[in-house]
Amino acid sequence: MKPLHIAECVRTNVEGYLSDLGHSEPDGMYNMLISVVEKPLLEVVMQRADNNQSKAAQWLGLNRNTLRKKLLEHKLID
């Protein structure tokens, strides 16, 4: 079985979300989706980087302070 590209997974899930809403209109989808995707991305990258924030920030193309802020926002560090 061929693995799905991330964009295909996102597209399928967004379509399913909108379908599940029926006739209701979505609100705040962009922030919701970014938050939902960002947390597991940070979790996986931090785990693979052995919790080394400098390494993880480099992999993500972020400033280390920005990464730290995002880790705090998602309650992944104290």
PDB file of N, CA and C in Angstrom:
ATOM      1  N   MET A   1       0.840  -1.181   0.000  1.00  0.00           N
ATOM      2  CA  MET A   1       0.000   0.000   0.000  1.00  0.00           C
ATOM      3  C   MET A   1       0.887   1.247   0.000  1.00  0.00           C
ATOM      4  N   LYS A   2       0.638   2.162  -0.911  1.00  0.00           N
ATOM      5  CA  LYS A   2       1.427   3.381  -1.051  1.00  0.00           C
ATOM      6  C   LYS A   2       1.078   4.359   0.076  1.00  0.00           C
ATOM      7  N   PRO A   3       2.097   4.884   0.800  1.00  0.00           N
ATOM      8  CA  PRO A   3       1.805   5.838   1.877  1.00  0.00           C
ATOM      9  C   PRO A   3       1.250   7.147   1.310  1.00  0.00           C
ATOM     10  N   LEU A   4       0.345   7.756   2.056  1.00  0.00           N
ATOM     11  CA  LEU A   4      -0.250   9.014   1.628  1.00  0.00           C
ATOM     12  C   LEU A   4       0.698  10.165   1.905  1.00  0.00           C
ATOM     13  N   HIS A   5       0.715  11.107   1.033  1.00  0.00           N
ATOM     14  CA  HIS A   5       1.461  12.336   1.227  1.00  0.00           C
ATOM     15  C   HIS A   5       0.731  13.157   2.297  1.00  0.00           C
ATOM     16  N   ILE A   6       1.462  13.897   3.098  1.00  0.00           N
ATOM     17  CA  ILE A   6       0.857  14.676   4.190  1.00  0.00           C
ATOM     18  C   ILE A   6      -0.252  15.579   3.669  1.00  0.00           C
ATOM     19  N   ALA A   7      -0.026  16.223   2.533  1.00  0.00           N
ATOM     20  CA  ALA A   7      -1.043  17.128   1.975  1.00  0.00           C
ATOM     21  C   ALA A   7      -2.340  16.379   1.664  1.00  0.00           C
ATOM     22  N   GLU A   8      -2.219  15.156   1.177  1.00  0.00           N
ATOM     23  CA  GLU A   8      -3.406  14.350   0.889  1.00  0.00           C
ATOM     24  C   GLU A   8      -4.157  14.016   2.177  1.00  0.00           C
ATOM     25  N   CYS A   9      -3.422  13.696   3.235  1.00  0.00           N
ATOM     26  CA  CYS A   9      -4.049  13.396   4.521  1.00  0.00           C
ATOM     27  C   CYS A   9      -4.796  14.619   5.053  1.00  0.00           C
ATOM     28  N   VAL A  10      -4.150  15.769   4.955  1.00  0.00           N
ATOM     29  CA  VAL A  10      -4.782  17.005   5.427  1.00  0.00           C
ATOM     30  C   VAL A  10      -6.042  17.278   4.610  1.00  0.00           C
ATOM     31  N   ARG A  11      -5.921  17.199   3.294  1.00  0.00           N
ATOM     32  CA  ARG A  11      -7.072  17.463   2.420  1.00  0.00           C
ATOM     33  C   ARG A  11      -8.246  16.546   2.758  1.00  0.00           C
ATOM     34  N   THR A  12      -7.969  15.268   2.892  1.00  0.00           N
ATOM     35  CA  THR A  12      -9.024  14.291   3.194  1.00  0.00           C
ATOM     36  C   THR A  12      -9.695  14.614   4.530  1.00  0.00           C
ATOM     37  N   ASN A  13      -8.890  14.956   5.530  1.00  0.00           N
ATOM     38  CA  ASN A  13      -9.446  15.244   6.846  1.00  0.00           C
ATOM     39  C   ASN A  13     -10.204  16.556   6.892  1.00  0.00           C
ATOM     40  N   VAL A  14      -9.741  17.566   6.168  1.00  0.00           N
ATOM     41  CA  VAL A  14     -10.474  18.839   6.109  1.00  0.00           C
ATOM     42  C   VAL A  14     -11.806  18.632   5.401  1.00  0.00           C
ATOM     43  N   GLU A  15     -11.789  17.881   4.319  1.00  0.00           N
ATOM     44  CA  GLU A  15     -13.040  17.582   3.615  1.00  0.00           C
ATOM     45  C   GLU A  15     -14.007  16.831   4.525  1.00  0.00           C
ATOM     46  N   GLY A  16     -13.497  15.859   5.283  1.00  0.00           N
ATOM     47  CA  GLY A  16     -14.336  15.110   6.221  1.00  0.00           C
ATOM     48  C   GLY A  16     -14.895  16.008   7.320  1.00  0.00           C
ATOM     49  N   TYR A  17     -14.063  16.911   7.836  1.00  0.00           N
ATOM     50  CA  TYR A  17     -14.501  17.853   8.875  1.00  0.00           C
ATOM     51  C   TYR A  17     -15.636  18.714   8.351  1.00  0.00           C
ATOM     52  N   LEU A  18     -15.462  19.269   7.151  1.00  0.00           N
ATOM     53  CA  LEU A  18     -16.506  20.121   6.573  1.00  0.00           C
ATOM     54  C   LEU A  18     -17.771  19.331   6.293  1.00  0.00           C
ATOM     55  N   SER A  19     -17.600  18.100   5.849  1.00  0.00           N
ATOM     56  CA  SER A  19     -18.759  17.244   5.598  1.00  0.00           C
ATOM     57  C   SER A  19     -19.506  16.953   6.901  1.00  0.00           C
ATOM     58  N   ASP A  20     -18.760  16.686   7.970  1.00  0.00           N
ATOM     59  CA  ASP A  20     -19.368  16.404   9.268  1.00  0.00           C
ATOM     60  C   ASP A  20     -20.136  17.597   9.818  1.00  0.00           C
ATOM     61  N   LEU A  21     -19.733  18.796   9.423  1.00  0.00           N
ATOM     62  CA  LEU A  21     -20.440  19.990   9.892  1.00  0.00           C
ATOM     63  C   LEU A  21     -21.830  20.113   9.288  1.00  0.00           C
ATOM     64  N   GLY A  22     -22.037  19.436   8.170  1.00  0.00           N
ATOM     65  CA  GLY A  22     -23.344  19.512   7.509  1.00  0.00           C
ATOM     66  C   GLY A  22     -23.587  20.920   7.006  1.00  0.00           C
ATOM     67  N   HIS A  23     -24.691  21.511   7.465  1.00  0.00           N
ATOM     68  CA  HIS A  23     -25.053  22.854   7.009  1.00  0.00           C
ATOM     69  C   HIS A  23     -24.471  23.943   7.910  1.00  0.00           C
ATOM     70  N   SER A  24     -23.808  23.559   8.987  1.00  0.00           N
ATOM     71  CA  SER A  24     -23.175  24.551   9.861  1.00  0.00           C
ATOM     72  C   SER A  24     -21.937  25.105   9.173  1.00  0.00           C
ATOM     73  N   GLU A  25     -21.658  26.369   9.447  1.00  0.00           N
ATOM     74  CA  GLU A  25     -20.471  26.984   8.862  1.00  0.00           C
ATOM     75  C   GLU A  25     -19.309  26.891   9.837  1.00  0.00           C
ATOM     76  N   PRO A  26     -18.112  26.605   9.324  1.00  0.00           N
ATOM     77  CA  PRO A  26     -16.934  26.508  10.196  1.00  0.00           C
ATOM     78  C   PRO A  26     -16.529  27.882  10.718  1.00  0.00           C
ATOM     79  N   ASP A  27     -15.811  27.875  11.829  1.00  0.00           N
ATOM     80  CA  ASP A  27     -15.323  29.127  12.404  1.00  0.00           C
ATOM     81  C   ASP A  27     -13.922  28.889  12.955  1.00  0.00           C
ATOM     82  N   GLY A  28     -12.982  29.722  12.568  1.00  0.00           N
ATOM     83  CA  GLY A  28     -11.630  29.615  13.100  1.00  0.00           C
ATOM     84  C   GLY A  28     -10.874  28.382  12.648  1.00  0.00           C
ATOM     85  N   MET A  29     -11.165  27.916  11.455  1.00  0.00           N
ATOM     86  CA  MET A  29     -10.534  26.688  10.965  1.00  0.00           C
ATOM     87  C   MET A  29      -9.011  26.794  10.860  1.00  0.00           C
ATOM     88  N   TYR A  30      -8.520  27.925  10.418  1.00  0.00           N
ATOM     89  CA  TYR A  30      -7.075  28.059  10.213  1.00  0.00           C
ATOM     90  C   TYR A  30      -6.321  27.849  11.517  1.00  0.00           C
ATOM     91  N   ASN A  31      -6.693  28.583  12.562  1.00  0.00           N
ATOM     92  CA  ASN A  31      -6.009  28.441  13.852  1.00  0.00           C
ATOM     93  C   ASN A  31      -6.195  27.053  14.440  1.00  0.00           C
ATOM     94  N   MET A  32      -7.382  26.481  14.273  1.00  0.00           N
ATOM     95  CA  MET A  32      -7.643  25.136  14.779  1.00  0.00           C
ATOM     96  C   MET A  32      -6.714  24.128  14.093  1.00  0.00           C
ATOM     97  N   LEU A  33      -6.627  24.218  12.781  1.00  0.00           N
ATOM     98  CA  LEU A  33      -5.811  23.263  12.034  1.00  0.00           C
ATOM     99  C   LEU A  33      -4.329  23.424  12.357  1.00  0.00           C
ATOM    100  N   ILE A  34      -3.853  24.657  12.423  1.00  0.00           N
ATOM    101  CA  ILE A  34      -2.447  24.886  12.742  1.00  0.00           C
ATOM    102  C   ILE A  34      -2.120  24.300  14.115  1.00  0.00           C
ATOM    103  N   SER A  35      -2.998  24.534  15.083  1.00  0.00           N
ATOM    104  CA  SER A  35      -2.780  24.017  16.434  1.00  0.00           C
ATOM    105  C   SER A  35      -2.774  22.492  16.450  1.00  0.00           C
ATOM    106  N   VAL A  36      -3.700  21.898  15.735  1.00  0.00           N
ATOM    107  CA  VAL A  36      -3.828  20.436  15.707  1.00  0.00           C
ATOM    108  C   VAL A  36      -2.613  19.782  15.037  1.00  0.00           C
ATOM    109  N   VAL A  37      -2.067  20.423  14.034  1.00  0.00           N
ATOM    110  CA  VAL A  37      -0.915  19.874  13.323  1.00  0.00           C
ATOM    111  C   VAL A  37       0.385  20.200  14.064  1.00  0.00           C
ATOM    112  N   GLU A  38       0.452  21.398  14.633  1.00  0.00           N
ATOM    113  CA  GLU A  38       1.696  21.862  15.242  1.00  0.00           C
ATOM    114  C   GLU A  38       2.117  21.025  16.455  1.00  0.00           C
ATOM    115  N   LYS A  39       1.185  20.676  17.315  1.00  0.00           N
ATOM    116  CA  LYS A  39       1.548  19.951  18.531  1.00  0.00           C
ATOM    117  C   LYS A  39       2.180  18.594  18.237  1.00  0.00           C
ATOM    118  N   PRO A  40       1.554  17.734  17.419  1.00  0.00           N
ATOM    119  CA  PRO A  40       2.221  16.455  17.150  1.00  0.00           C
ATOM    120  C   PRO A  40       3.523  16.618  16.381  1.00  0.00           C
ATOM    121  N   LEU A  41       3.614  17.637  15.527  1.00  0.00           N
ATOM    122  CA  LEU A  41       4.872  17.910  14.832  1.00  0.00           C
ATOM    123  C   LEU A  41       5.975  18.207  15.841  1.00  0.00           C
ATOM    124  N   LEU A  42       5.668  19.075  16.799  1.00  0.00           N
ATOM    125  CA  LEU A  42       6.654  19.422  17.825  1.00  0.00           C
ATOM    126  C   LEU A  42       7.014  18.213  18.680  1.00  0.00           C
ATOM    127  N   GLU A  43       6.023  17.414  19.034  1.00  0.00           N
ATOM    128  CA  GLU A  43       6.274  16.225  19.856  1.00  0.00           C
ATOM    129  C   GLU A  43       7.228  15.258  19.153  1.00  0.00           C
ATOM    130  N   VAL A  44       6.956  14.984  17.895  1.00  0.00           N
ATOM    131  CA  VAL A  44       7.773  14.021  17.149  1.00  0.00           C
ATOM    132  C   VAL A  44       9.184  14.560  16.935  1.00  0.00           C
ATOM    133  N   VAL A  45       9.294  15.816  16.539  1.00  0.00           N
ATOM    134  CA  VAL A  45      10.615  16.386  16.286  1.00  0.00           C
ATOM    135  C   VAL A  45      11.424  16.457  17.574  1.00  0.00           C
ATOM    136  N   MET A  46      10.807  16.864  18.670  1.00  0.00           N
ATOM    137  CA  MET A  46      11.540  16.919  19.938  1.00  0.00           C
ATOM    138  C   MET A  46      12.009  15.531  20.354  1.00  0.00           C
ATOM    139  N   GLN A  47      11.164  14.533  20.168  1.00  0.00           N
ATOM    140  CA  GLN A  47      11.555  13.168  20.519  1.00  0.00           C
ATOM    141  C   GLN A  47      12.735  12.713  19.656  1.00  0.00           C
ATOM    142  N   ARG A  48      12.659  12.945  18.351  1.00  0.00           N
ATOM    143  CA  ARG A  48      13.725  12.533  17.442  1.00  0.00           C
ATOM    144  C   ARG A  48      15.024  13.301  17.691  1.00  0.00           C
ATOM    145  N   ALA A  49      14.889  14.536  18.207  1.00  0.00           N
ATOM    146  CA  ALA A  49      16.074  15.362  18.499  1.00  0.00           C
ATOM    147  C   ALA A  49      16.547  15.159  19.936  1.00  0.00           C
ATOM    148  N   ASP A  50      16.034  14.125  20.595  1.00  0.00           N
ATOM    149  CA  ASP A  50      16.393  13.829  21.990  1.00  0.00           C
ATOM    150  C   ASP A  50      16.188  15.041  22.902  1.00  0.00           C
ATOM    151  N   ASN A  51      15.088  15.768  22.651  1.00  0.00           N
ATOM    152  CA  ASN A  51      14.714  16.965  23.429  1.00  0.00           C
ATOM    153  C   ASN A  51      15.743  18.082  23.365  1.00  0.00           C
ATOM    154  N   ASN A  52      16.574  18.053  22.355  1.00  0.00           N
ATOM    155  CA  ASN A  52      17.547  19.122  22.139  1.00  0.00           C
ATOM    156  C   ASN A  52      16.855  20.235  21.345  1.00  0.00           C
ATOM    157  N   GLN A  53      16.533  21.331  22.048  1.00  0.00           N
ATOM    158  CA  GLN A  53      15.771  22.401  21.427  1.00  0.00           C
ATOM    159  C   GLN A  53      16.520  23.077  20.284  1.00  0.00           C
ATOM    160  N   SER A  54      17.822  23.213  20.411  1.00  0.00           N
ATOM    161  CA  SER A  54      18.596  23.839  19.340  1.00  0.00           C
ATOM    162  C   SER A  54      18.541  23.000  18.066  1.00  0.00           C
ATOM    163  N   LYS A  55      18.717  21.690  18.227  1.00  0.00           N
ATOM    164  CA  LYS A  55      18.663  20.786  17.082  1.00  0.00           C
ATOM    165  C   LYS A  55      17.256  20.778  16.474  1.00  0.00           C
ATOM    166  N   ALA A  56      16.232  20.683  17.321  1.00  0.00           N
ATOM    167  CA  ALA A  56      14.855  20.663  16.832  1.00  0.00           C
ATOM    168  C   ALA A  56      14.519  21.959  16.103  1.00  0.00           C
ATOM    169  N   ALA A  57      14.935  23.079  16.658  1.00  0.00           N
ATOM    170  CA  ALA A  57      14.680  24.378  16.022  1.00  0.00           C
ATOM    171  C   ALA A  57      15.328  24.420  14.642  1.00  0.00           C
ATOM    172  N   GLN A  58      16.540  23.911  14.541  1.00  0.00           N
ATOM    173  CA  GLN A  58      17.235  23.891  13.253  1.00  0.00           C
ATOM    174  C   GLN A  58      16.473  23.022  12.258  1.00  0.00           C
ATOM    175  N   TRP A  59      16.054  21.835  12.681  1.00  0.00           N
ATOM    176  CA  TRP A  59      15.304  20.938  11.799  1.00  0.00           C
ATOM    177  C   TRP A  59      14.019  21.589  11.305  1.00  0.00           C
ATOM    178  N   LEU A  60      13.363  22.341  12.197  1.00  0.00           N
ATOM    179  CA  LEU A  60      12.082  22.963  11.857  1.00  0.00           C
ATOM    180  C   LEU A  60      12.246  24.283  11.107  1.00  0.00           C
ATOM    181  N   GLY A  61      13.471  24.806  11.090  1.00  0.00           N
ATOM    182  CA  GLY A  61      13.690  26.099  10.448  1.00  0.00           C
ATOM    183  C   GLY A  61      13.162  27.251  11.284  1.00  0.00           C
ATOM    184  N   LEU A  62      13.204  27.062  12.610  1.00  0.00           N
ATOM    185  CA  LEU A  62      12.714  28.077  13.546  1.00  0.00           C
ATOM    186  C   LEU A  62      13.867  28.596  14.389  1.00  0.00           C
ATOM    187  N   ASN A  63      13.676  29.792  14.905  1.00  0.00           N
ATOM    188  CA  ASN A  63      14.566  30.328  15.924  1.00  0.00           C
ATOM    189  C   ASN A  63      14.329  29.526  17.197  1.00  0.00           C
ATOM    190  N   ARG A  64      15.369  29.258  17.979  1.00  0.00           N
ATOM    191  CA  ARG A  64      15.222  28.474  19.198  1.00  0.00           C
ATOM    192  C   ARG A  64      14.218  29.107  20.165  1.00  0.00           C
ATOM    193  N   ASN A  65      14.213  30.435  20.260  1.00  0.00           N
ATOM    194  CA  ASN A  65      13.247  31.111  21.142  1.00  0.00           C
ATOM    195  C   ASN A  65      11.815  30.919  20.659  1.00  0.00           C
ATOM    196  N   THR A  66      11.620  30.921  19.350  1.00  0.00           N
ATOM    197  CA  THR A  66      10.288  30.683  18.786  1.00  0.00           C
ATOM    198  C   THR A  66       9.838  29.265  19.100  1.00  0.00           C
ATOM    199  N   LEU A  67      10.748  28.302  18.949  1.00  0.00           N
ATOM    200  CA  LEU A  67      10.416  26.919  19.285  1.00  0.00           C
ATOM    201  C   LEU A  67      10.035  26.809  20.753  1.00  0.00           C
ATOM    202  N   ARG A  68      10.819  27.417  21.618  1.00  0.00           N
ATOM    203  CA  ARG A  68      10.530  27.369  23.060  1.00  0.00           C
ATOM    204  C   ARG A  68       9.149  27.947  23.362  1.00  0.00           C
ATOM    205  N   LYS A  69       8.808  29.049  22.717  1.00  0.00           N
ATOM    206  CA  LYS A  69       7.492  29.668  22.902  1.00  0.00           C
ATOM    207  C   LYS A  69       6.378  28.707  22.480  1.00  0.00           C
ATOM    208  N   LYS A  70       6.564  28.034  21.351  1.00  0.00           N
ATOM    209  CA  LYS A  70       5.568  27.088  20.872  1.00  0.00           C
ATOM    210  C   LYS A  70       5.459  25.871  21.778  1.00  0.00           C
ATOM    211  N   LEU A  71       6.587  25.407  22.298  1.00  0.00           N
ATOM    212  CA  LEU A  71       6.571  24.282  23.245  1.00  0.00           C
ATOM    213  C   LEU A  71       5.795  24.656  24.505  1.00  0.00           C
ATOM    214  N   LEU A  72       5.981  25.875  24.978  1.00  0.00           N
ATOM    215  CA  LEU A  72       5.248  26.361  26.141  1.00  0.00           C
ATOM    216  C   LEU A  72       3.755  26.480  25.846  1.00  0.00           C
ATOM    217  N   GLU A  73       3.413  27.031  24.677  1.00  0.00           N
ATOM    218  CA  GLU A  73       2.001  27.196  24.279  1.00  0.00           C
ATOM    219  C   GLU A  73       1.270  25.854  24.260  1.00  0.00           C
ATOM    220  N   HIS A  74       1.957  24.822  23.811  1.00  0.00           N
ATOM    221  CA  HIS A  74       1.337  23.491  23.706  1.00  0.00           C
ATOM    222  C   HIS A  74       1.553  22.659  24.974  1.00  0.00           C
ATOM    223  N   LYS A  75       2.127  23.303  26.008  1.00  0.00           N
ATOM    224  CA  LYS A  75       2.366  22.629  27.292  1.00  0.00           C
ATOM    225  C   LYS A  75       3.238  21.393  27.135  1.00  0.00           C
ATOM    226  N   LEU A  76       4.226  21.499  26.257  1.00  0.00           N
ATOM    227  CA  LEU A  76       5.161  20.398  26.060  1.00  0.00           C
ATOM    228  C   LEU A  76       6.404  20.546  26.932  1.00  0.00           C
ATOM    229  N   ILE A  77       6.578  21.721  27.529  1.00  0.00           N
ATOM    230  CA  ILE A  77       7.632  21.968  28.516  1.00  0.00           C
ATOM    231  C   ILE A  77       7.051  22.883  29.581  1.00  0.00           C
ATOM    232  N   ASP A  78       7.733  22.942  30.720  1.00  0.00           N
ATOM    233  CA  ASP A  78       7.294  23.831  31.803  1.00  0.00           C
ATOM    234  C   ASP A  78       8.039  25.144  31.747  1.00  0.00           C
TER     235      ASP A  78
END
